[in-house]
PDB file of N, CA and C in Angstrom:
ATOM      1  N   MET A   1      54.949 206.683 -10.024  1.00  0.00           N
ATOM      2  CA  MET A   1      55.415 205.379 -10.584  1.00  0.00           C
ATOM      3  C   MET A   1      54.637 205.242 -11.835  1.00  0.00           C
ATOM      4  N   ALA A   2      55.273 204.921 -13.025  1.00  0.00           N
ATOM      5  CA  ALA A   2      54.626 204.823 -14.258  1.00  0.00           C
ATOM      6  C   ALA A   2      53.877 203.560 -14.286  1.00  0.00           C
ATOM      7  N   LEU A   3      52.745 203.544 -14.949  1.00  0.00           N
ATOM      8  CA  LEU A   3      51.863 202.364 -15.213  1.00  0.00           C
ATOM      9  C   LEU A   3      52.348 201.481 -16.315  1.00  0.00           C
ATOM     10  N   PRO A   4      52.634 200.224 -15.992  1.00  0.00           N
ATOM     11  CA  PRO A   4      53.011 199.275 -17.072  1.00  0.00           C
ATOM     12  C   PRO A   4      52.100 199.027 -18.068  1.00  0.00           C
ATOM     13  N   VAL A   5      52.509 199.101 -19.385  1.00  0.00           N
ATOM     14  CA  VAL A   5      51.629 198.816 -20.549  1.00  0.00           C
ATOM     15  C   VAL A   5      52.558 197.951 -21.372  1.00  0.00           C
ATOM     16  N   ARG A   6      52.185 196.610 -21.670  1.00  0.00           N
ATOM     17  CA  ARG A   6      52.929 195.716 -22.430  1.00  0.00           C
ATOM     18  C   ARG A   6      52.174 195.345 -23.656  1.00  0.00           C
ATOM     19  N   VAL A   7      52.973 195.353 -24.720  1.00  0.00           N
ATOM     20  CA  VAL A   7      52.434 194.850 -26.040  1.00  0.00           C
ATOM     21  C   VAL A   7      53.292 193.837 -26.557  1.00  0.00           C
ATOM     22  N   VAL A   8      52.548 192.598 -26.822  1.00  0.00           N
ATOM     23  CA  VAL A   8      53.250 191.556 -27.461  1.00  0.00           C
ATOM     24  C   VAL A   8      52.766 191.511 -28.968  1.00  0.00           C
ATOM     25  N   TYR A   9      53.665 191.479 -29.880  1.00  0.00           N
ATOM     26  CA  TYR A   9      53.228 191.550 -31.170  1.00  0.00           C
ATOM     27  C   TYR A   9      54.053 190.580 -32.048  1.00  0.00           C
ATOM     28  N   CYS A  10      53.514 190.208 -33.194  1.00  0.00           N
ATOM     29  CA  CYS A  10      54.097 189.204 -34.130  1.00  0.00           C
ATOM     30  C   CYS A  10      55.195 189.862 -34.702  1.00  0.00           C
ATOM     31  N   GLY A  11      56.506 189.551 -34.303  1.00  0.00           N
ATOM     32  CA  GLY A  11      57.633 190.077 -34.919  1.00  0.00           C
ATOM     33  C   GLY A  11      57.912 189.461 -36.334  1.00  0.00           C
ATOM     34  N   ALA A  12      57.598 188.255 -36.537  1.00  0.00           N
ATOM     35  CA  ALA A  12      57.868 187.493 -37.858  1.00  0.00           C
ATOM     36  C   ALA A  12      56.998 188.201 -38.933  1.00  0.00           C
ATOM     37  N   TRP A  13      55.894 188.739 -38.524  1.00  0.00           N
ATOM     38  CA  TRP A  13      54.948 189.291 -39.614  1.00  0.00           C
ATOM     39  C   TRP A  13      55.144 190.801 -39.768  1.00  0.00           C
ATOM     40  N   GLY A  14      56.074 191.524 -39.069  1.00  0.00           N
ATOM     41  CA  GLY A  14      56.532 192.735 -39.245  1.00  0.00           C
ATOM     42  C   GLY A  14      55.510 193.839 -38.491  1.00  0.00           C
ATOM     43  N   TYR A  15      54.867 193.430 -37.254  1.00  0.00           N
ATOM     44  CA  TYR A  15      53.795 194.277 -36.664  1.00  0.00           C
ATOM     45  C   TYR A  15      54.550 195.290 -35.840  1.00  0.00           C
ATOM     46  N   LYS A  16      55.947 195.381 -35.839  1.00  0.00           N
ATOM     47  CA  LYS A  16      56.709 196.420 -34.924  1.00  0.00           C
ATOM     48  C   LYS A  16      56.147 197.884 -35.278  1.00  0.00           C
ATOM     49  N   SER A  17      55.829 198.161 -36.546  1.00  0.00           N
ATOM     50  CA  SER A  17      55.581 199.507 -36.772  1.00  0.00           C
ATOM     51  C   SER A  17      54.197 199.822 -36.268  1.00  0.00           C
ATOM     52  N   LYS A  18      53.235 198.895 -36.189  1.00  0.00           N
ATOM     53  CA  LYS A  18      51.988 199.038 -35.524  1.00  0.00           C
ATOM     54  C   LYS A  18      52.129 199.283 -34.076  1.00  0.00           C
ATOM     55  N   TYR A  19      53.006 198.616 -33.313  1.00  0.00           N
ATOM     56  CA  TYR A  19      53.368 198.755 -32.076  1.00  0.00           C
ATOM     57  C   TYR A  19      53.919 200.158 -31.722  1.00  0.00           C
ATOM     58  N   LEU A  20      54.891 200.587 -32.612  1.00  0.00           N
ATOM     59  CA  LEU A  20      55.598 201.965 -32.487  1.00  0.00           C
ATOM     60  C   LEU A  20      54.423 203.066 -32.614  1.00  0.00           C
ATOM     61  N   GLN A  21      53.527 202.768 -33.485  1.00  0.00           N
ATOM     62  CA  GLN A  21      52.527 203.932 -33.687  1.00  0.00           C
ATOM     63  C   GLN A  21      51.625 203.943 -32.431  1.00  0.00           C
ATOM     64  N   LEU A  22      51.276 202.936 -31.946  1.00  0.00           N
ATOM     65  CA  LEU A  22      50.511 202.701 -30.749  1.00  0.00           C
ATOM     66  C   LEU A  22      51.216 203.401 -29.554  1.00  0.00           C
ATOM     67  N   LYS A  23      52.481 203.005 -29.442  1.00  0.00           N
ATOM     68  CA  LYS A  23      53.295 203.579 -28.309  1.00  0.00           C
ATOM     69  C   LYS A  23      53.357 205.089 -28.397  1.00  0.00           C
ATOM     70  N   LYS A  24      53.514 205.611 -29.348  1.00  0.00           N
ATOM     71  CA  LYS A  24      53.578 207.055 -29.685  1.00  0.00           C
ATOM     72  C   LYS A  24      52.308 207.748 -29.329  1.00  0.00           C
ATOM     73  N   LYS A  25      51.237 207.072 -29.781  1.00  0.00           N
ATOM     74  CA  LYS A  25      49.863 207.635 -29.554  1.00  0.00           C
ATOM     75  C   LYS A  25      49.586 207.602 -27.974  1.00  0.00           C
ATOM     76  N   LEU A  26      49.899 206.653 -27.347  1.00  0.00           N
ATOM     77  CA  LEU A  26      49.648 206.524 -25.880  1.00  0.00           C
ATOM     78  C   LEU A  26      50.591 207.469 -25.172  1.00  0.00           C
ATOM     79  N   GLU A  27      51.858 207.499 -25.596  1.00  0.00           N
ATOM     80  CA  GLU A  27      52.793 208.525 -24.859  1.00  0.00           C
ATOM     81  C   GLU A  27      52.224 209.968 -25.094  1.00  0.00           C
ATOM     82  N   ASP A  28      51.722 210.212 -26.108  1.00  0.00           N
ATOM     83  CA  ASP A  28      51.136 211.522 -26.474  1.00  0.00           C
ATOM     84  C   ASP A  28      49.965 211.857 -25.500  1.00  0.00           C
ATOM     85  N   GLU A  29      49.099 210.773 -25.405  1.00  0.00           N
ATOM     86  CA  GLU A  29      47.880 210.892 -24.532  1.00  0.00           C
ATOM     87  C   GLU A  29      48.275 211.032 -23.067  1.00  0.00           C
ATOM     88  N   PHE A  30      49.257 210.269 -22.553  1.00  0.00           N
ATOM     89  CA  PHE A  30      49.650 210.166 -21.081  1.00  0.00           C
ATOM     90  C   PHE A  30      51.153 210.533 -20.998  1.00  0.00           C
ATOM     91  N   PRO A  31      51.604 211.577 -21.275  1.00  0.00           N
ATOM     92  CA  PRO A  31      52.992 211.999 -21.223  1.00  0.00           C
ATOM     93  C   PRO A  31      53.634 211.716 -19.823  1.00  0.00           C
ATOM     94  N   GLY A  32      54.589 210.846 -19.842  1.00  0.00           N
ATOM     95  CA  GLY A  32      55.367 210.619 -18.572  1.00  0.00           C
ATOM     96  C   GLY A  32      54.705 209.678 -17.549  1.00  0.00           C
ATOM     97  N   ARG A  33      53.589 209.215 -17.929  1.00  0.00           N
ATOM     98  CA  ARG A  33      52.773 208.459 -17.008  1.00  0.00           C
ATOM     99  C   ARG A  33      52.820 206.779 -17.209  1.00  0.00           C
ATOM    100  N   LEU A  34      53.220 206.508 -18.329  1.00  0.00           N
ATOM    101  CA  LEU A  34      53.315 205.059 -18.704  1.00  0.00           C
ATOM    102  C   LEU A  34      54.749 204.441 -19.084  1.00  0.00           C
ATOM    103  N   ASP A  35      54.872 203.232 -18.585  1.00  0.00           N
ATOM    104  CA  ASP A  35      56.008 202.505 -18.939  1.00  0.00           C
ATOM    105  C   ASP A  35      55.724 201.490 -20.001  1.00  0.00           C
ATOM    106  N   ILE A  36      55.873 201.843 -21.231  1.00  0.00           N
ATOM    107  CA  ILE A  36      55.370 200.958 -22.325  1.00  0.00           C
ATOM    108  C   ILE A  36      56.538 200.325 -22.752  1.00  0.00           C
ATOM    109  N   CYS A  37      56.329 198.914 -22.980  1.00  0.00           N
ATOM    110  CA  CYS A  37      57.380 198.129 -23.519  1.00  0.00           C
ATOM    111  C   CYS A  37      56.745 197.029 -24.605  1.00  0.00           C
ATOM    112  N   GLY A  38      57.433 196.804 -25.579  1.00  0.00           N
ATOM    113  CA  GLY A  38      56.926 195.870 -26.761  1.00  0.00           C
ATOM    114  C   GLY A  38      57.795 194.627 -26.719  1.00  0.00           C
ATOM    115  N   GLU A  39      57.182 193.572 -27.133  1.00  0.00           N
ATOM    116  CA  GLU A  39      58.028 192.351 -27.346  1.00  0.00           C
ATOM    117  C   GLU A  39      57.479 191.713 -28.589  1.00  0.00           C
ATOM    118  N   GLY A  40      58.421 191.672 -29.538  1.00  0.00           N
ATOM    119  CA  GLY A  40      58.212 190.924 -30.865  1.00  0.00           C
ATOM    120  C   GLY A  40      58.389 189.404 -30.668  1.00  0.00           C
ATOM    121  N   THR A  41      57.399 188.684 -31.124  1.00  0.00           N
ATOM    122  CA  THR A  41      57.676 187.216 -31.171  1.00  0.00           C
ATOM    123  C   THR A  41      58.704 186.855 -32.208  1.00  0.00           C
ATOM    124  N   PRO A  42      59.535 185.904 -32.126  1.00  0.00           N
ATOM    125  CA  PRO A  42      60.380 185.538 -33.255  1.00  0.00           C
ATOM    126  C   PRO A  42      59.733 184.644 -34.372  1.00  0.00           C
ATOM    127  N   GLN A  43      58.676 183.930 -33.953  1.00  0.00           N
ATOM    128  CA  GLN A  43      57.883 183.159 -34.823  1.00  0.00           C
ATOM    129  C   GLN A  43      56.598 183.805 -35.219  1.00  0.00           C
ATOM    130  N   ALA A  44      56.027 183.320 -36.412  1.00  0.00           N
ATOM    131  CA  ALA A  44      54.667 183.857 -36.653  1.00  0.00           C
ATOM    132  C   ALA A  44      53.631 183.525 -35.853  1.00  0.00           C
ATOM    133  N   THR A  45      52.999 184.502 -35.216  1.00  0.00           N
ATOM    134  CA  THR A  45      51.975 184.204 -34.135  1.00  0.00           C
ATOM    135  C   THR A  45      50.733 184.951 -34.511  1.00  0.00           C
ATOM    136  N   GLY A  46      50.714 186.100 -35.292  1.00  0.00           N
ATOM    137  CA  GLY A  46      49.577 186.868 -35.416  1.00  0.00           C
ATOM    138  C   GLY A  46      49.173 187.757 -34.127  1.00  0.00           C
ATOM    139  N   PHE A  47      49.996 187.781 -33.220  1.00  0.00           N
ATOM    140  CA  PHE A  47      49.789 188.431 -32.045  1.00  0.00           C
ATOM    141  C   PHE A  47      49.759 189.925 -32.093  1.00  0.00           C
ATOM    142  N   PHE A  48      48.808 190.558 -31.431  1.00  0.00           N
ATOM    143  CA  PHE A  48      49.019 192.030 -31.092  1.00  0.00           C
ATOM    144  C   PHE A  48      48.074 192.255 -29.798  1.00  0.00           C
ATOM    145  N   GLU A  49      48.692 191.903 -28.805  1.00  0.00           N
ATOM    146  CA  GLU A  49      48.081 191.697 -27.436  1.00  0.00           C
ATOM    147  C   GLU A  49      48.488 192.892 -26.494  1.00  0.00           C
ATOM    148  N   VAL A  50      47.525 193.737 -25.970  1.00  0.00           N
ATOM    149  CA  VAL A  50      47.949 194.784 -25.135  1.00  0.00           C
ATOM    150  C   VAL A  50      47.487 194.508 -23.765  1.00  0.00           C
ATOM    151  N   MET A  51      48.448 194.535 -22.835  1.00  0.00           N
ATOM    152  CA  MET A  51      48.074 194.472 -21.397  1.00  0.00           C
ATOM    153  C   MET A  51      48.391 195.728 -20.743  1.00  0.00           C
ATOM    154  N   VAL A  52      47.447 196.166 -19.826  1.00  0.00           N
ATOM    155  CA  VAL A  52      47.585 197.431 -18.859  1.00  0.00           C
ATOM    156  C   VAL A  52      47.663 196.844 -17.527  1.00  0.00           C
ATOM    157  N   ALA A  53      48.706 197.220 -16.935  1.00  0.00           N
ATOM    158  CA  ALA A  53      48.848 196.780 -15.381  1.00  0.00           C
ATOM    159  C   ALA A  53      48.648 195.128 -15.408  1.00  0.00           C
ATOM    160  N   GLY A  54      49.061 194.359 -16.309  1.00  0.00           N
ATOM    161  CA  GLY A  54      49.072 192.980 -16.235  1.00  0.00           C
ATOM    162  C   GLY A  54      47.722 192.450 -16.659  1.00  0.00           C
ATOM    163  N   LYS A  55      46.740 193.161 -17.023  1.00  0.00           N
ATOM    164  CA  LYS A  55      45.443 192.704 -17.607  1.00  0.00           C
ATOM    165  C   LYS A  55      45.275 192.882 -19.048  1.00  0.00           C
ATOM    166  N   LEU A  56      44.908 191.758 -19.667  1.00  0.00           N
ATOM    167  CA  LEU A  56      44.788 191.796 -21.161  1.00  0.00           C
ATOM    168  C   LEU A  56      43.581 192.689 -21.397  1.00  0.00           C
ATOM    169  N   ILE A  57      43.772 193.703 -22.293  1.00  0.00           N
ATOM    170  CA  ILE A  57      42.764 194.782 -22.694  1.00  0.00           C
ATOM    171  C   ILE A  57      42.319 194.522 -24.121  1.00  0.00           C
ATOM    172  N   HIS A  58      43.345 194.224 -24.883  1.00  0.00           N
ATOM    173  CA  HIS A  58      43.148 194.158 -26.384  1.00  0.00           C
ATOM    174  C   HIS A  58      43.889 192.876 -26.910  1.00  0.00           C
ATOM    175  N   SER A  59      43.064 191.999 -27.754  1.00  0.00           N
ATOM    176  CA  SER A  59      43.798 190.838 -28.245  1.00  0.00           C
ATOM    177  C   SER A  59      43.353 190.562 -29.684  1.00  0.00           C
ATOM    178  N   LYS A  60      44.363 190.719 -30.632  1.00  0.00           N
ATOM    179  CA  LYS A  60      44.118 190.385 -32.010  1.00  0.00           C
ATOM    180  C   LYS A  60      43.835 188.930 -32.118  1.00  0.00           C
ATOM    181  N   LYS A  61      44.336 188.029 -31.364  1.00  0.00           N
ATOM    182  CA  LYS A  61      44.074 186.563 -31.434  1.00  0.00           C
ATOM    183  C   LYS A  61      42.588 186.311 -30.948  1.00  0.00           C
ATOM    184  N   LYS A  62      42.157 187.159 -30.165  1.00  0.00           N
ATOM    185  CA  LYS A  62      40.655 186.771 -29.736  1.00  0.00           C
ATOM    186  C   LYS A  62      39.742 187.728 -30.489  1.00  0.00           C
ATOM    187  N   GLY A  63      40.086 188.402 -31.624  1.00  0.00           N
ATOM    188  CA  GLY A  63      39.185 188.943 -32.534  1.00  0.00           C
ATOM    189  C   GLY A  63      39.166 190.505 -32.421  1.00  0.00           C
ATOM    190  N   ASP A  64      40.128 191.127 -31.742  1.00  0.00           N
ATOM    191  CA  ASP A  64      40.021 192.614 -31.719  1.00  0.00           C
ATOM    192  C   ASP A  64      40.650 193.150 -32.850  1.00  0.00           C
ATOM    193  N   GLY A  65      41.530 192.453 -33.622  1.00  0.00           N
ATOM    194  CA  GLY A  65      42.231 193.035 -34.694  1.00  0.00           C
ATOM    195  C   GLY A  65      43.305 193.953 -34.032  1.00  0.00           C
ATOM    196  N   TYR A  66      43.869 194.944 -34.945  1.00  0.00           N
ATOM    197  CA  TYR A  66      44.825 195.937 -34.571  1.00  0.00           C
ATOM    198  C   TYR A  66      44.066 197.037 -33.786  1.00  0.00           C
ATOM    199  N   VAL A  67      44.959 197.871 -33.162  1.00  0.00           N
ATOM    200  CA  VAL A  67      44.281 198.995 -32.594  1.00  0.00           C
ATOM    201  C   VAL A  67      44.310 200.086 -33.697  1.00  0.00           C
ATOM    202  N   ASP A  68      43.305 199.978 -34.732  1.00  0.00           N
ATOM    203  CA  ASP A  68      43.306 200.785 -35.813  1.00  0.00           C
ATOM    204  C   ASP A  68      42.214 201.654 -36.119  1.00  0.00           C
ATOM    205  N   THR A  69      41.262 201.744 -34.954  1.00  0.00           N
ATOM    206  CA  THR A  69      40.212 202.675 -35.029  1.00  0.00           C
ATOM    207  C   THR A  69      40.181 203.477 -33.726  1.00  0.00           C
ATOM    208  N   GLU A  70      39.471 204.639 -33.736  1.00  0.00           N
ATOM    209  CA  GLU A  70      39.429 205.483 -32.532  1.00  0.00           C
ATOM    210  C   GLU A  70      38.739 204.733 -31.333  1.00  0.00           C
ATOM    211  N   SER A  71      37.760 204.028 -31.697  1.00  0.00           N
ATOM    212  CA  SER A  71      36.965 203.216 -30.584  1.00  0.00           C
ATOM    213  C   SER A  71      37.960 202.212 -29.949  1.00  0.00           C
ATOM    214  N   LYS A  72      38.786 201.499 -30.717  1.00  0.00           N
ATOM    215  CA  LYS A  72      39.724 200.579 -30.023  1.00  0.00           C
ATOM    216  C   LYS A  72      40.835 201.331 -29.210  1.00  0.00           C
ATOM    217  N   PHE A  73      41.232 202.486 -29.784  1.00  0.00           N
ATOM    218  CA  PHE A  73      42.090 203.227 -29.069  1.00  0.00           C
ATOM    219  C   PHE A  73      41.555 203.766 -27.670  1.00  0.00           C
ATOM    220  N   LEU A  74      40.215 204.228 -27.765  1.00  0.00           N
ATOM    221  CA  LEU A  74      39.645 204.824 -26.638  1.00  0.00           C
ATOM    222  C   LEU A  74      39.418 203.740 -25.640  1.00  0.00           C
ATOM    223  N   LYS A  75      39.073 202.456 -25.897  1.00  0.00           N
ATOM    224  CA  LYS A  75      39.009 201.408 -24.931  1.00  0.00           C
ATOM    225  C   LYS A  75      40.246 201.299 -24.170  1.00  0.00           C
ATOM    226  N   LEU A  76      41.442 201.343 -24.860  1.00  0.00           N
ATOM    227  CA  LEU A  76      42.702 201.353 -24.080  1.00  0.00           C
ATOM    228  C   LEU A  76      42.841 202.481 -23.263  1.00  0.00           C
ATOM    229  N   VAL A  77      42.471 203.711 -23.644  1.00  0.00           N
ATOM    230  CA  VAL A  77      42.518 204.916 -22.868  1.00  0.00           C
ATOM    231  C   VAL A  77      41.738 204.689 -21.646  1.00  0.00           C
ATOM    232  N   ALA A  78      40.543 204.292 -21.818  1.00  0.00           N
ATOM    233  CA  ALA A  78      39.730 204.067 -20.716  1.00  0.00           C
ATOM    234  C   ALA A  78      40.254 203.197 -19.592  1.00  0.00           C
ATOM    235  N   ALA A  79      40.878 202.046 -20.109  1.00  0.00           N
ATOM    236  CA  ALA A  79      41.429 201.028 -19.227  1.00  0.00           C
ATOM    237  C   ALA A  79      42.712 201.583 -18.402  1.00  0.00           C
ATOM    238  N   ILE A  80      43.441 202.430 -19.175  1.00  0.00           N
ATOM    239  CA  ILE A  80      44.534 203.124 -18.580  1.00  0.00           C
ATOM    240  C   ILE A  80      44.096 204.128 -17.551  1.00  0.00           C
ATOM    241  N   LYS A  81      43.090 204.962 -17.911  1.00  0.00           N
ATOM    242  CA  LYS A  81      42.584 205.869 -16.892  1.00  0.00           C
ATOM    243  C   LYS A  81      42.088 205.157 -15.685  1.00  0.00           C
ATOM    244  N   ALA A  82      41.430 204.010 -15.796  1.00  0.00           N
ATOM    245  CA  ALA A  82      40.913 203.360 -14.654  1.00  0.00           C
ATOM    246  C   ALA A  82      42.026 202.858 -13.752  1.00  0.00           C
ATOM    247  N   ALA A  83      43.133 202.277 -14.471  1.00  0.00           N
ATOM    248  CA  ALA A  83      44.237 201.821 -13.692  1.00  0.00           C
ATOM    249  C   ALA A  83      44.973 202.857 -13.048  1.00  0.00           C
ATOM    250  N   LEU A  84      45.150 203.944 -13.659  1.00  0.00           N
ATOM    251  CA  LEU A  84      45.809 205.152 -12.949  1.00  0.00           C
ATOM    252  C   LEU A  84      45.002 205.696 -11.884  1.00  0.00           C
ATOM    253  N   ALA A  85      43.699 205.628 -11.862  1.00  0.00           N
ATOM    254  CA  ALA A  85      43.015 206.015 -10.830  1.00  0.00           C
ATOM    255  C   ALA A  85      42.994 205.178  -9.602  1.00  0.00           C
ATOM    256  N   GLN A  86      43.267 203.961  -9.854  1.00  0.00           N
ATOM    257  CA  GLN A  86      43.260 202.831  -8.795  1.00  0.00           C
ATOM    258  C   GLN A  86      44.704 203.020  -8.019  1.00  0.00           C
ATOM    259  N   GLY A  87      45.608 203.698  -8.801  1.00  0.00           N
ATOM    260  CA  GLY A  87      47.024 203.931  -8.117  1.00  0.00           C
ATOM    261  C   GLY A  87      47.861 202.852  -8.191  1.00  0.00           C
TER     262      GLY A  87
END
């Protein structure tokens, strides 16, 4: 069973491209192991929130910014690996 990864992003500010970039990078890292879905908000929210198995791992609104550095990406990778290990 694929691990659910949900990204809620600000659709009004055009963050969809950032979501699609992250989705591709995660799919390349974990081929066939993730169920990644993205939801763009209709209003301006500034959101770029990433949840792994229902747990908030990355939050732009709480100061994490975008997933735009290797260290931020590796934080997500670590959370995904931990969730996959738990089964």
